[in-house]
Amino acid sequence: MNKTMDRKTFLSYLGTGTAALAAASAGLGLLEGKASAMTGTADHLFGFKTNKVSGYFNPIEPTDIDELVLPKNFKYDIVAAFDDVINSAGEKFGSGCDYNAFFPLKGSNVRGLLVTNHEYSTIFSIGPVKDGKMTADQIQKNLYYLGMSVIEVYRDENGVWKMDTRSSYARRINGFTPFQLTGPAKGIPALKGATSVQGTFANCSGGVTLWNTVLSCEENFEGTAAVSKLPDTHYGWVVEVDPFDKSYLRKHTALGRFNHENTAMGLAADGRVVVYMGDDKKDACVYKFISKNKYDKSKGRGNSALLEDGTLYVANLKSGKWLPITLAEVSKAAAKDPSLKNKFKSQGDVVTYCQEAAKLVGGTPTDRPEDIEISPFDNTVFICHTNNDSHGNIHGHITRIFEAGNDLGAMEFDFEIFAAGGRQSGFSAPDNLAFDSNGDLWVVTDISSSSQNKGVHKSFKNNGMFVIPTSGPDQGKAMQFASGPVESELTGPYFTPDEQTLFLSIQHPGETTQDLSNPTSTWPHRRGENMARCGVVAISGFKLQ
């Protein structure tokens, strides 16, 4: 980063001490310069394999205007927005854009499949909800517009990113799409004996597997399940889809049922698959799943079976231990309460009522653990604890976990508060995280629309994206790269492998709109329209070093 950059430094960031502690904990040297090899992480974070820097920029100041604001010499193209037609069948792009993942076609950096999550509906997608009750038509629209989109995108000869609606891959996955269940909860009474279920919705963030499929996370599913008269226990799981195979649709119950934010997949030292997960609620826990068997690259998608059998753990931050959430441990903890003992009759019950089970065995309640990412440089694990106003943690923080022996499969860990939100850092409510190949940490924020530009959040203005170098002269400084439109949230950052394009979702602009004739945002400002649309943009302007 440019030595002249002068963004406020995190007061709680430990500077050189953080790198030194990481080195001491992980048995590594200081993280100077670019990494030289890919470690066993799966999210292909910001084209890490390319070993190229994502580019220099002059940081911007916070803004409150109704536009996506970027540094000088950067531009964005809208590749898809709510209700755009995505294929020849006339299917429409969904609502509440969140996580993105780019899959190159034939190794191309300028053409590929883009998978996007759709978290929830707004007044712009289903209309005003009167007296808090959706009509039958609104329920149908809500289920249709949630879930996921697979679209084909490309950069044309003029450098403009577009959607190719002729693609044979383009499709919607939504609240009507059938999914097969796997793992211990398949067919149990708590799921009404179901071995397959209808649809996925409330899809927040996600992750890419080591075998090149997408894991999508069902987060705040309760309301949609209730209004749609669908069994509550059929939702709140981690979903797996294959962008290249329409028939491959799974829900992996072994990973637990809760308000999932994302997944971060890596390998234990012995070759077993490890999946870290956060539960986006106040006083919720941090989890990891370790497969019973080992990853075998030659099996390709066959490795998905690893997510069907393994052990789910919850973090106890006081002891620095991962505690197993197993029937034996839950039964032992619930022995004094007959009603609880009867509730947990099988491991399927344990994963279905995971939030309760996790606390029974000693999981530590935390402040909304959202995105979790594994550093591709040293196997430390970063967690965005977005906030918890019930505990006075208004601006949130980023936690960094050091697994014992630098092994993702370890049962013990240490941790630090890597950074804290607030006036001193220039941002509030960290949400999604990602690394670029130069070791910089990219952070997007999630200040609620009702709090933006008010009270203690006034100085931050609209939600934004920040870059934090982890080494070099600007180490520990938060520099703002983007500011979103009014009442929006920036989500799902994902780079092409050459790090020349950044895909980013603009979620719920104009979220507090009550009257469609008087919207609080009209982004993306389409000619002849007076409404806001969520969408995905492709940001260009990155320069190689």
Protein backbone atom coordinates (compact mmCIF):
# COMPACT_ATOMS: atom_id res chain seq x y z
CA MET A 1 0.00 0.00 0.00
CA ASN A 2 1.05 3.60 -0.57
CA LYS A 3 3.18 5.00 2.23
CA THR A 4 1.22 8.26 2.12
CA MET A 5 -2.05 6.55 3.10
CA ASP A 6 -3.20 8.01 6.39
CA ARG A 7 -6.26 6.14 7.63
CA LYS A 8 -6.88 5.93 11.36
CA THR A 9 -4.99 3.07 12.97
CA PHE A 10 -6.91 0.50 15.02
CA LEU A 11 -6.16 1.35 18.63
CA SER A 12 -6.59 -2.26 19.63
CA TYR A 13 -4.59 -3.62 16.73
CA LEU A 14 -1.31 -4.89 18.08
CA GLY A 15 0.83 -3.83 15.13
CA THR A 16 4.16 -5.62 14.97
CA GLY A 17 3.18 -7.36 18.17
CA THR A 18 0.30 -9.09 16.37
CA ALA A 19 2.60 -10.50 13.71
CA ALA A 20 5.09 -11.52 16.36
CA LEU A 21 2.39 -13.27 18.38
CA ALA A 22 1.17 -15.02 15.24
CA ALA A 23 4.68 -16.16 14.51
CA ALA A 24 5.24 -17.36 18.05
CA SER A 25 1.91 -19.19 18.14
CA ALA A 26 2.19 -20.72 14.69
CA GLY A 27 5.91 -21.41 14.63
CA LEU A 28 6.36 -19.19 11.58
CA GLY A 29 8.42 -16.15 10.68
CA LEU A 30 6.88 -12.70 10.30
CA LEU A 31 4.46 -12.38 7.39
CA GLU A 32 6.44 -10.04 5.15
CA GLY A 33 5.65 -9.79 1.45
CA LYS A 34 3.54 -12.15 -0.62
CA ALA A 35 2.98 -15.77 0.27
CA SER A 36 4.78 -18.25 -1.89
CA ALA A 37 2.42 -21.24 -1.80
CA MET A 38 -1.22 -22.11 -1.42
CA THR A 39 -2.13 -23.68 1.91
CA GLY A 40 -5.02 -26.03 2.50
CA THR A 41 -7.79 -23.42 2.52
CA ALA A 42 -10.69 -23.61 0.13
CA ASP A 43 -12.22 -20.21 -0.50
CA HIS A 44 -9.77 -19.13 -3.24
CA LEU A 45 -9.70 -15.82 -1.44
CA PHE A 46 -9.13 -12.96 -3.80
CA GLY A 47 -7.27 -15.06 -6.34
CA PHE A 48 -4.63 -16.07 -3.83
CA LYS A 49 -3.14 -18.65 -6.19
CA THR A 50 -2.01 -15.90 -8.58
CA ASN A 51 0.43 -14.43 -6.05
CA LYS A 52 -0.26 -10.92 -7.42
CA VAL A 53 -1.08 -7.80 -5.44
CA SER A 54 -4.63 -6.53 -5.81
CA GLY A 55 -3.55 -2.96 -6.49
CA TYR A 56 -2.85 0.43 -4.97
CA PHE A 57 -5.52 3.04 -4.29
CA ASN A 58 -6.04 6.34 -2.56
CA PRO A 59 -8.48 5.79 0.32
CA ILE A 60 -11.82 7.56 0.22
CA GLU A 61 -13.67 9.32 3.02
CA PRO A 62 -17.03 8.09 4.35
CA THR A 63 -20.04 9.31 2.35
CA ASP A 64 -23.80 9.42 2.81
CA ILE A 65 -24.76 9.83 -0.85
CA ASP A 66 -26.91 7.36 -2.79
CA GLU A 67 -24.10 5.86 -4.85
CA LEU A 68 -21.39 3.24 -4.76
CA VAL A 69 -18.31 5.39 -4.27
CA LEU A 70 -14.86 4.01 -5.19
CA PRO A 71 -11.31 5.41 -5.20
CA LYS A 72 -10.02 7.38 -8.18
CA ASN A 73 -9.34 5.28 -11.30
CA PHE A 74 -11.74 2.50 -10.26
CA LYS A 75 -15.09 1.81 -11.91
CA TYR A 76 -17.96 -0.63 -11.53
CA ASP A 77 -20.30 -2.41 -13.94
CA ILE A 78 -23.65 -3.79 -12.80
CA VAL A 79 -23.66 -7.39 -13.97
CA ALA A 80 -27.05 -8.35 -12.50
CA ALA A 81 -29.72 -6.66 -10.42
CA PHE A 82 -32.96 -7.76 -8.81
CA ASP A 83 -35.54 -9.09 -11.29
CA ASP A 84 -33.18 -9.12 -14.29
CA VAL A 85 -33.80 -12.05 -16.63
CA ILE A 86 -30.87 -14.50 -16.30
CA ASN A 87 -31.58 -17.18 -18.93
CA SER A 88 -33.68 -18.19 -21.93
CA ALA A 89 -36.29 -19.71 -19.60
CA GLY A 90 -37.02 -16.22 -18.28
CA GLU A 91 -35.91 -16.88 -14.72
CA LYS A 92 -35.25 -13.75 -12.67
CA PHE A 93 -32.29 -12.68 -10.52
CA GLY A 94 -33.25 -12.82 -6.85
CA SER A 95 -33.55 -10.41 -3.93
CA GLY A 96 -31.18 -9.59 -1.08
CA CYS A 97 -27.89 -10.32 -2.90
CA ASP A 98 -25.17 -11.57 -0.56
CA TYR A 99 -22.31 -14.05 -1.03
CA ASN A 100 -20.63 -14.38 -4.45
CA ALA A 101 -18.25 -17.01 -5.85
CA PHE A 102 -16.67 -16.90 -9.32
CA PHE A 103 -15.87 -20.10 -11.24
CA PRO A 104 -13.76 -19.58 -14.40
CA LEU A 105 -14.86 -21.27 -17.60
CA LYS A 106 -11.94 -22.97 -19.34
CA GLY A 107 -9.50 -21.19 -17.01
CA SER A 108 -10.64 -17.73 -18.12
CA ASN A 109 -10.39 -14.64 -15.94
CA VAL A 110 -12.93 -12.81 -18.10
CA ARG A 111 -15.70 -15.43 -18.43
CA GLY A 112 -17.14 -17.67 -15.79
CA LEU A 113 -20.06 -18.66 -13.61
CA LEU A 114 -21.04 -16.36 -10.76
CA VAL A 115 -22.96 -17.91 -7.87
CA THR A 116 -24.88 -15.40 -5.75
CA ASN A 117 -26.89 -15.94 -2.55
CA HIS A 118 -30.27 -14.26 -2.04
CA GLU A 119 -30.97 -13.63 1.62
CA TYR A 120 -34.33 -11.89 1.95
CA SER A 121 -37.03 -9.83 0.29
CA THR A 122 -37.83 -6.13 0.58
CA ILE A 123 -40.70 -3.84 -0.33
CA PHE A 124 -39.19 -3.57 -3.82
CA SER A 125 -39.46 -7.31 -4.46
CA ILE A 126 -42.78 -8.29 -2.85
CA GLY A 127 -44.47 -4.93 -2.18
CA PRO A 128 -45.72 -3.52 1.13
CA VAL A 129 -46.70 -6.11 3.72
CA LYS A 130 -49.91 -4.90 5.37
CA ASP A 131 -50.40 -5.49 9.09
CA GLY A 132 -47.38 -7.77 9.10
CA LYS A 133 -49.13 -10.48 7.09
CA MET A 134 -48.04 -11.56 3.60
CA THR A 135 -50.69 -12.37 1.03
CA ALA A 136 -50.58 -15.74 -0.75
CA ASP A 137 -49.02 -14.00 -3.76
CA GLN A 138 -46.35 -12.37 -1.59
CA ILE A 139 -45.50 -15.71 0.00
CA GLN A 140 -44.97 -17.22 -3.46
CA LYS A 141 -42.84 -14.26 -4.59
CA ASN A 142 -40.82 -14.40 -1.39
CA LEU A 143 -39.96 -18.08 -1.87
CA TYR A 144 -39.14 -17.50 -5.54
CA TYR A 145 -36.81 -14.54 -5.06
CA LEU A 146 -34.78 -16.12 -2.21
CA GLY A 147 -32.13 -18.84 -2.47
CA MET A 148 -29.36 -18.59 -5.06
CA SER A 149 -28.63 -17.59 -8.66
CA VAL A 150 -26.10 -19.14 -11.01
CA ILE A 151 -25.34 -16.80 -13.91
CA GLU A 152 -22.69 -16.61 -16.61
CA VAL A 153 -20.70 -13.38 -16.73
CA TYR A 154 -18.05 -12.07 -19.10
CA ARG A 155 -15.97 -8.98 -19.85
CA ASP A 156 -16.52 -7.65 -23.37
CA GLU A 157 -13.99 -6.12 -25.76
CA ASN A 158 -14.56 -2.70 -24.17
CA GLY A 159 -13.73 -3.95 -20.69
CA VAL A 160 -17.36 -3.94 -19.52
CA TRP A 161 -18.65 -6.86 -17.46
CA LYS A 162 -22.01 -8.26 -18.54
CA MET A 163 -24.35 -11.19 -17.99
CA ASP A 164 -24.75 -13.78 -20.75
CA THR A 165 -28.43 -14.76 -20.66
CA ARG A 166 -27.85 -17.44 -23.32
CA SER A 167 -25.87 -19.55 -20.85
CA SER A 168 -26.85 -23.19 -20.44
CA TYR A 169 -25.65 -23.04 -16.83
CA ALA A 170 -27.74 -20.06 -15.72
CA ARG A 171 -30.51 -20.99 -13.31
CA ARG A 172 -32.28 -20.18 -10.08
CA ILE A 173 -32.21 -22.28 -6.91
CA ASN A 174 -34.92 -21.09 -4.53
CA GLY A 175 -37.61 -21.85 -1.97
CA PHE A 176 -39.22 -24.41 -4.27
CA THR A 177 -36.11 -26.38 -5.30
CA PRO A 178 -35.93 -29.91 -3.82
CA PHE A 179 -32.85 -30.79 -1.74
CA GLN A 180 -31.57 -34.13 -0.47
CA LEU A 181 -30.69 -34.38 3.21
CA THR A 182 -27.47 -36.03 4.37
CA GLY A 183 -26.04 -36.84 7.79
CA PRO A 184 -27.48 -37.71 11.20
CA ALA A 185 -30.73 -35.70 10.99
CA LYS A 186 -31.86 -37.36 7.75
CA GLY A 187 -35.19 -39.08 8.30
CA ILE A 188 -35.45 -38.45 12.05
CA PRO A 189 -38.77 -37.58 13.76
CA ALA A 190 -37.64 -33.98 14.45
CA LEU A 191 -37.59 -33.48 10.67
CA LYS A 192 -40.90 -35.34 10.26
CA GLY A 193 -39.07 -38.30 8.77
CA ALA A 194 -37.94 -36.28 5.77
CA THR A 195 -35.07 -37.45 3.59
CA SER A 196 -35.60 -34.57 1.16
CA VAL A 197 -36.98 -31.08 1.72
CA GLN A 198 -38.47 -28.19 -0.21
CA GLY A 199 -36.21 -25.28 -1.01
CA THR A 200 -33.54 -23.11 0.50
CA PHE A 201 -33.91 -19.52 1.68
CA ALA A 202 -32.34 -16.91 3.96
CA ASN A 203 -29.06 -17.67 2.17
CA CYS A 204 -26.49 -15.37 3.71
CA SER A 205 -22.79 -15.99 3.11
CA GLY A 206 -21.03 -19.20 2.16
CA GLY A 207 -17.78 -20.71 0.96
CA VAL A 208 -16.12 -22.75 -1.75
CA THR A 209 -15.13 -26.34 -1.06
CA LEU A 210 -11.79 -27.97 -1.85
CA TRP A 211 -13.64 -29.88 -4.59
CA ASN A 212 -15.01 -26.71 -6.24
CA THR A 213 -18.63 -26.68 -5.14
CA VAL A 214 -20.41 -23.95 -3.16
CA LEU A 215 -21.57 -24.17 0.44
CA SER A 216 -24.44 -21.74 1.07
CA CYS A 217 -25.67 -20.87 4.55
CA GLU A 218 -29.28 -20.59 5.68
CA GLU A 219 -29.35 -17.83 8.28
CA ASN A 220 -32.53 -16.08 9.44
CA PHE A 221 -34.92 -18.73 8.16
CA GLU A 222 -37.55 -18.75 10.89
CA GLY A 223 -39.91 -16.08 9.54
CA THR A 224 -40.06 -17.41 5.99
CA ALA A 225 -40.57 -20.98 7.19
CA ALA A 226 -43.43 -19.90 9.46
CA VAL A 227 -45.29 -17.72 6.95
CA SER A 228 -44.86 -20.36 4.24
CA LYS A 229 -46.14 -23.11 6.57
CA LEU A 230 -42.98 -25.15 6.03
CA PRO A 231 -41.37 -27.27 8.79
CA ASP A 232 -38.94 -25.11 10.74
CA THR A 233 -36.46 -27.96 11.14
CA HIS A 234 -36.00 -28.29 7.38
CA TYR A 235 -34.04 -25.01 7.37
CA GLY A 236 -31.02 -23.52 9.12
CA TRP A 237 -28.59 -25.94 7.47
CA VAL A 238 -25.54 -25.66 5.23
CA VAL A 239 -26.47 -26.24 1.59
CA GLU A 240 -24.12 -27.62 -1.09
CA VAL A 241 -24.62 -26.96 -4.82
CA ASP A 242 -22.48 -27.61 -7.89
CA PRO A 243 -22.52 -24.61 -10.28
CA PHE A 244 -21.87 -26.94 -13.22
CA ASP A 245 -24.43 -29.62 -12.31
CA LYS A 246 -28.09 -28.64 -11.85
CA SER A 247 -28.98 -31.95 -10.24
CA TYR A 248 -26.52 -31.73 -7.35
CA LEU A 249 -28.39 -30.26 -4.34
CA ARG A 250 -27.61 -31.26 -0.72
CA LYS A 251 -28.24 -30.11 2.85
CA HIS A 252 -25.56 -31.40 5.22
CA THR A 253 -27.07 -31.90 8.67
CA ALA A 254 -23.79 -33.01 10.29
CA LEU A 255 -22.69 -29.35 10.17
CA GLY A 256 -25.46 -28.39 12.59
CA ARG A 257 -28.62 -26.32 12.40
CA PHE A 258 -28.40 -22.71 13.48
CA ASN A 259 -28.37 -19.19 11.99
CA HIS A 260 -25.40 -19.88 9.71
CA GLU A 261 -23.40 -16.94 8.36
CA ASN A 262 -20.69 -18.63 6.28
CA THR A 263 -18.27 -21.54 6.04
CA ALA A 264 -14.48 -21.56 5.86
CA MET A 265 -12.97 -24.87 4.80
CA GLY A 266 -9.41 -26.06 5.35
CA LEU A 267 -7.40 -29.21 6.07
CA ALA A 268 -6.21 -30.57 9.38
CA ALA A 269 -2.57 -31.66 9.57
CA ASP A 270 -3.65 -35.27 9.09
CA GLY A 271 -5.71 -34.52 5.96
CA ARG A 272 -9.21 -34.41 7.44
CA VAL A 273 -11.53 -31.62 6.29
CA VAL A 274 -12.25 -28.82 8.76
CA VAL A 275 -15.17 -26.38 8.36
CA TYR A 276 -15.42 -23.26 10.57
CA MET A 277 -18.84 -21.66 11.03
CA GLY A 278 -20.39 -18.69 12.82
CA ASP A 279 -23.92 -18.33 14.22
CA ASP A 280 -25.17 -14.79 13.49
CA LYS A 281 -27.15 -14.08 16.64
CA LYS A 282 -26.47 -12.23 19.84
CA ASP A 283 -24.87 -14.52 22.43
CA ALA A 284 -24.23 -17.24 19.85
CA CYS A 285 -21.30 -19.61 19.46
CA VAL A 286 -18.42 -20.37 17.09
CA TYR A 287 -18.23 -23.88 15.62
CA LYS A 288 -16.00 -26.16 13.64
CA PHE A 289 -16.67 -29.53 12.04
CA ILE A 290 -13.95 -32.12 11.48
CA SER A 291 -14.61 -34.99 9.09
CA LYS A 292 -14.10 -38.58 10.16
CA ASN A 293 -12.20 -39.48 7.00
CA LYS A 294 -9.47 -37.74 5.01
CA TYR A 295 -9.60 -35.58 1.90
CA ASP A 296 -8.54 -37.27 -1.35
CA LYS A 297 -8.08 -34.81 -4.20
CA SER A 298 -8.46 -37.57 -6.80
CA LYS A 299 -12.07 -38.18 -5.70
CA GLY A 300 -13.20 -34.70 -6.74
CA ARG A 301 -16.80 -34.08 -5.74
CA GLY A 302 -16.86 -37.50 -4.10
CA ASN A 303 -15.22 -35.77 -1.15
CA SER A 304 -18.60 -34.26 -0.36
CA ALA A 305 -19.29 -37.44 1.60
CA LEU A 306 -16.78 -36.13 4.16
CA LEU A 307 -19.43 -33.59 5.22
CA GLU A 308 -21.83 -36.40 6.14
CA ASP A 309 -19.77 -38.02 8.89
CA GLY A 310 -17.60 -36.30 11.47
CA THR A 311 -17.64 -34.41 14.76
CA LEU A 312 -19.08 -30.95 15.39
CA TYR A 313 -17.30 -28.82 18.01
CA VAL A 314 -18.07 -25.54 19.77
CA ALA A 315 -15.50 -23.04 21.04
CA ASN A 316 -15.05 -22.39 24.75
CA LEU A 317 -13.08 -19.13 24.79
CA LYS A 318 -12.37 -19.22 28.51
CA SER A 319 -10.57 -22.57 28.42
CA GLY A 320 -9.32 -22.29 24.84
CA LYS A 321 -10.80 -25.67 23.95
CA TRP A 322 -13.01 -27.10 21.24
CA LEU A 323 -15.78 -29.08 22.93
CA PRO A 324 -17.52 -31.96 21.09
CA ILE A 325 -21.26 -31.56 20.54
CA THR A 326 -22.06 -35.26 20.65
CA LEU A 327 -25.00 -37.21 22.01
CA ALA A 328 -22.83 -38.57 24.81
CA GLU A 329 -21.66 -35.11 25.94
CA VAL A 330 -25.09 -33.51 25.58
CA SER A 331 -26.77 -36.36 27.49
CA LYS A 332 -24.22 -36.02 30.27
CA ALA A 333 -24.83 -32.25 30.51
CA ALA A 334 -28.63 -32.64 30.40
CA ALA A 335 -28.83 -35.53 32.90
CA LYS A 336 -30.30 -33.32 35.61
CA ASP A 337 -33.12 -32.11 33.39
CA PRO A 338 -35.42 -34.96 32.23
CA SER A 339 -37.14 -32.74 29.64
CA LEU A 340 -33.82 -32.00 27.96
CA LYS A 341 -32.74 -35.61 28.13
CA ASN A 342 -35.88 -36.61 26.26
CA LYS A 343 -35.26 -33.90 23.67
CA PHE A 344 -31.88 -35.28 22.68
CA LYS A 345 -32.44 -38.93 21.80
CA SER A 346 -30.03 -39.15 18.87
CA GLN A 347 -27.16 -37.30 17.24
CA GLY A 348 -29.75 -36.14 14.72
CA ASP A 349 -31.59 -34.35 17.55
CA VAL A 350 -28.30 -32.86 18.74
CA VAL A 351 -27.48 -31.26 15.37
CA THR A 352 -31.11 -30.18 14.85
CA TYR A 353 -31.23 -28.31 18.16
CA CYS A 354 -27.59 -27.36 17.91
CA GLN A 355 -27.74 -23.92 19.54
CA GLU A 356 -29.13 -25.38 22.77
CA ALA A 357 -26.82 -28.39 22.67
CA ALA A 358 -23.73 -26.22 22.14
CA LYS A 359 -24.37 -24.20 25.27
CA LEU A 360 -25.17 -27.32 27.29
CA VAL A 361 -21.69 -28.72 26.61
CA GLY A 362 -19.99 -25.40 27.44
CA GLY A 363 -19.89 -23.28 24.27
CA THR A 364 -19.11 -19.60 24.90
CA PRO A 365 -21.84 -17.09 23.92
CA THR A 366 -20.28 -14.35 21.77
CA ASP A 367 -21.24 -11.15 19.99
CA ARG A 368 -22.79 -12.20 16.67
CA PRO A 369 -20.03 -14.28 15.06
CA GLU A 370 -20.52 -13.63 11.36
CA ASP A 371 -17.90 -14.24 8.67
CA ILE A 372 -15.02 -16.59 9.53
CA GLU A 373 -11.98 -16.94 7.27
CA ILE A 374 -8.79 -18.99 7.49
CA SER A 375 -5.66 -17.01 6.67
CA PRO A 376 -3.99 -18.62 3.65
CA PHE A 377 -0.64 -17.54 5.07
CA ASP A 378 -0.45 -19.02 8.56
CA ASN A 379 -3.66 -20.97 9.34
CA THR A 380 -4.84 -18.43 11.90
CA VAL A 381 -8.62 -18.02 11.90
CA PHE A 382 -10.28 -14.60 11.76
CA ILE A 383 -13.84 -14.08 13.06
CA CYS A 384 -16.00 -10.99 12.63
CA HIS A 385 -17.96 -10.42 15.81
CA THR A 386 -20.25 -7.80 14.33
CA ASN A 387 -21.69 -6.29 17.54
CA ASN A 388 -23.93 -6.91 20.54
CA ASP A 389 -25.60 -3.83 21.94
CA SER A 390 -26.98 -5.87 24.85
CA HIS A 391 -23.40 -6.09 26.14
CA GLY A 392 -22.35 -2.59 25.13
CA ASN A 393 -20.30 -3.90 22.20
CA ILE A 394 -21.77 -1.37 19.77
CA HIS A 395 -19.12 -1.40 17.05
CA GLY A 396 -17.94 -5.02 17.07
CA HIS A 397 -14.48 -6.51 16.73
CA ILE A 398 -12.39 -9.03 14.81
CA THR A 399 -11.13 -12.04 16.76
CA ARG A 400 -8.07 -14.05 15.69
CA ILE A 401 -7.70 -17.69 16.74
CA PHE A 402 -4.34 -19.49 16.90
CA GLU A 403 -4.86 -23.24 16.76
CA ALA A 404 -2.40 -25.33 18.81
CA GLY A 405 0.53 -26.45 16.69
CA ASN A 406 -0.82 -24.47 13.74
CA ASP A 407 -3.17 -27.42 13.11
CA LEU A 408 -6.76 -26.70 12.10
CA GLY A 409 -7.67 -30.07 13.60
CA ALA A 410 -6.36 -29.11 17.06
CA MET A 411 -8.56 -29.34 20.15
CA GLU A 412 -6.96 -26.34 21.88
CA PHE A 413 -6.41 -22.73 20.80
CA ASP A 414 -5.42 -19.24 21.90
CA PHE A 415 -6.97 -16.03 20.63
CA GLU A 416 -6.66 -12.26 20.53
CA ILE A 417 -8.84 -9.29 19.67
CA PHE A 418 -7.17 -8.45 16.37
CA ALA A 419 -9.10 -5.22 15.80
CA ALA A 420 -11.99 -3.30 17.32
CA GLY A 421 -14.54 -1.18 15.51
CA GLY A 422 -15.17 2.39 16.63
CA ARG A 423 -14.21 5.98 15.94
CA GLN A 424 -10.54 5.13 16.36
CA SER A 425 -10.64 2.61 13.52
CA GLY A 426 -12.98 4.47 11.17
CA PHE A 427 -15.46 1.60 10.80
CA SER A 428 -18.25 -0.10 12.72
CA ALA A 429 -19.86 -3.56 12.65
CA PRO A 430 -17.38 -5.73 10.67
CA ASP A 431 -19.17 -8.46 8.73
CA ASN A 432 -17.46 -10.23 5.78
CA LEU A 433 -13.71 -10.83 5.57
CA ALA A 434 -11.32 -11.82 2.80
CA PHE A 435 -7.58 -11.84 2.10
CA ASP A 436 -5.77 -10.74 -1.03
CA SER A 437 -2.53 -12.30 -2.18
CA ASN A 438 -0.44 -9.54 -0.63
CA GLY A 439 -1.68 -10.38 2.85
CA ASP A 440 -4.15 -7.50 3.11
CA LEU A 441 -7.40 -8.07 4.96
CA TRP A 442 -10.56 -6.77 3.27
CA VAL A 443 -13.51 -5.98 5.54
CA VAL A 444 -17.09 -4.94 4.75
CA THR A 445 -19.39 -3.48 7.40
CA ASP A 446 -22.97 -4.10 8.50
CA ILE A 447 -24.35 -1.08 10.34
CA SER A 448 -28.11 -1.60 10.40
CA SER A 449 -30.14 0.72 8.18
CA SER A 450 -31.98 2.08 11.23
CA SER A 451 -28.65 3.15 12.79
CA GLN A 452 -26.78 4.54 9.77
CA ASN A 453 -25.89 8.24 9.96
CA LYS A 454 -27.37 8.53 13.45
CA GLY A 455 -26.07 8.81 17.01
CA VAL A 456 -22.78 7.04 17.64
CA HIS A 457 -22.82 5.72 14.05
CA LYS A 458 -23.00 9.16 12.46
CA SER A 459 -19.29 9.52 11.68
CA PHE A 460 -19.18 6.26 9.70
CA LYS A 461 -21.96 7.38 7.34
CA ASN A 462 -23.00 4.64 4.87
CA ASN A 463 -21.66 1.08 5.12
CA GLY A 464 -18.32 0.54 3.42
CA MET A 465 -15.39 -1.68 2.55
CA PHE A 466 -11.98 -1.31 4.18
CA VAL A 467 -8.50 -2.72 3.54
CA ILE A 468 -6.09 -3.48 6.39
CA PRO A 469 -2.48 -4.39 5.51
CA THR A 470 -1.06 -7.09 7.77
CA SER A 471 2.59 -6.24 7.07
CA GLY A 472 4.75 -3.42 5.71
CA PRO A 473 4.75 0.34 6.42
CA ASP A 474 0.94 0.64 6.53
CA GLN A 475 0.42 -2.39 8.75
CA GLY A 476 -2.68 -2.11 10.89
CA LYS A 477 -4.21 0.91 9.15
CA ALA A 478 -7.82 0.71 8.00
CA MET A 479 -8.24 2.37 4.61
CA GLN A 480 -11.68 2.82 3.09
CA PHE A 481 -12.01 1.41 -0.42
CA ALA A 482 -15.76 1.76 -1.00
CA SER A 483 -18.87 3.42 0.38
CA GLY A 484 -22.29 1.96 -0.44
CA PRO A 485 -25.56 3.59 -1.50
CA VAL A 486 -28.12 4.76 1.07
CA GLU A 487 -29.21 2.05 3.55
CA SER A 488 -27.27 -0.63 1.70
CA GLU A 489 -24.80 -3.21 2.91
CA LEU A 490 -21.79 -4.30 0.87
CA THR A 491 -21.46 -8.10 0.90
CA GLY A 492 -19.93 -11.10 -0.84
CA PRO A 493 -16.54 -9.76 -2.04
CA TYR A 494 -14.86 -12.19 -4.46
CA PHE A 495 -11.99 -11.67 -6.90
CA THR A 496 -11.28 -13.28 -10.25
CA PRO A 497 -8.13 -15.45 -10.09
CA ASP A 498 -5.97 -12.72 -11.64
CA GLU A 499 -7.26 -10.19 -9.07
CA GLN A 500 -8.24 -7.75 -11.83
CA THR A 501 -11.97 -7.82 -11.03
CA LEU A 502 -13.76 -7.73 -7.70
CA PHE A 503 -17.37 -8.91 -7.55
CA LEU A 504 -19.37 -7.24 -4.78
CA SER A 505 -23.05 -7.35 -3.81
CA ILE A 506 -25.01 -4.19 -3.03
CA GLN A 507 -27.63 -5.50 -0.62
CA HIS A 508 -30.93 -3.82 0.33
CA PRO A 509 -30.42 -0.19 -0.83
CA GLY A 510 -33.37 1.87 0.43
CA GLU A 511 -34.21 -0.80 2.99
CA THR A 512 -36.39 1.40 5.23
CA THR A 513 -38.65 2.54 2.37
CA GLN A 514 -42.32 2.48 3.45
CA ASP A 515 -43.88 4.16 0.42
CA LEU A 516 -42.91 2.90 -3.06
CA SER A 517 -43.63 6.34 -4.50
CA ASN A 518 -41.06 7.86 -2.12
CA PRO A 519 -38.08 5.44 -1.87
CA THR A 520 -35.12 6.31 0.35
CA SER A 521 -32.75 5.05 -2.39
CA THR A 522 -33.06 4.65 -6.15
CA TRP A 523 -29.72 2.90 -6.75
CA PRO A 524 -28.73 1.72 -9.40
CA HIS A 525 -30.55 4.74 -10.84
CA ARG A 526 -31.93 3.07 -13.93
CA ARG A 527 -33.47 5.48 -16.40
CA GLY A 528 -37.24 5.76 -16.02
CA GLU A 529 -37.30 3.98 -12.65
CA ASN A 530 -38.08 5.26 -9.17
CA MET A 531 -37.02 2.26 -7.12
CA ALA A 532 -33.98 0.60 -5.62
CA ARG A 533 -32.62 -2.76 -6.78
CA CYS A 534 -30.06 -4.90 -5.01
CA GLY A 535 -27.42 -6.20 -7.39
CA VAL A 536 -23.91 -7.46 -8.04
CA VAL A 537 -21.21 -5.20 -9.46
CA ALA A 538 -17.85 -5.97 -11.04
CA ILE A 539 -15.18 -3.50 -9.89
CA SER A 540 -12.21 -2.85 -12.18
CA GLY A 541 -9.10 -0.69 -11.97
CA PHE A 542 -6.70 -2.91 -10.05
CA LYS A 543 -3.07 -2.69 -11.16
CA LEU A 544 -0.51 -5.44 -10.94
CA GLN A 545 2.78 -4.85 -9.22
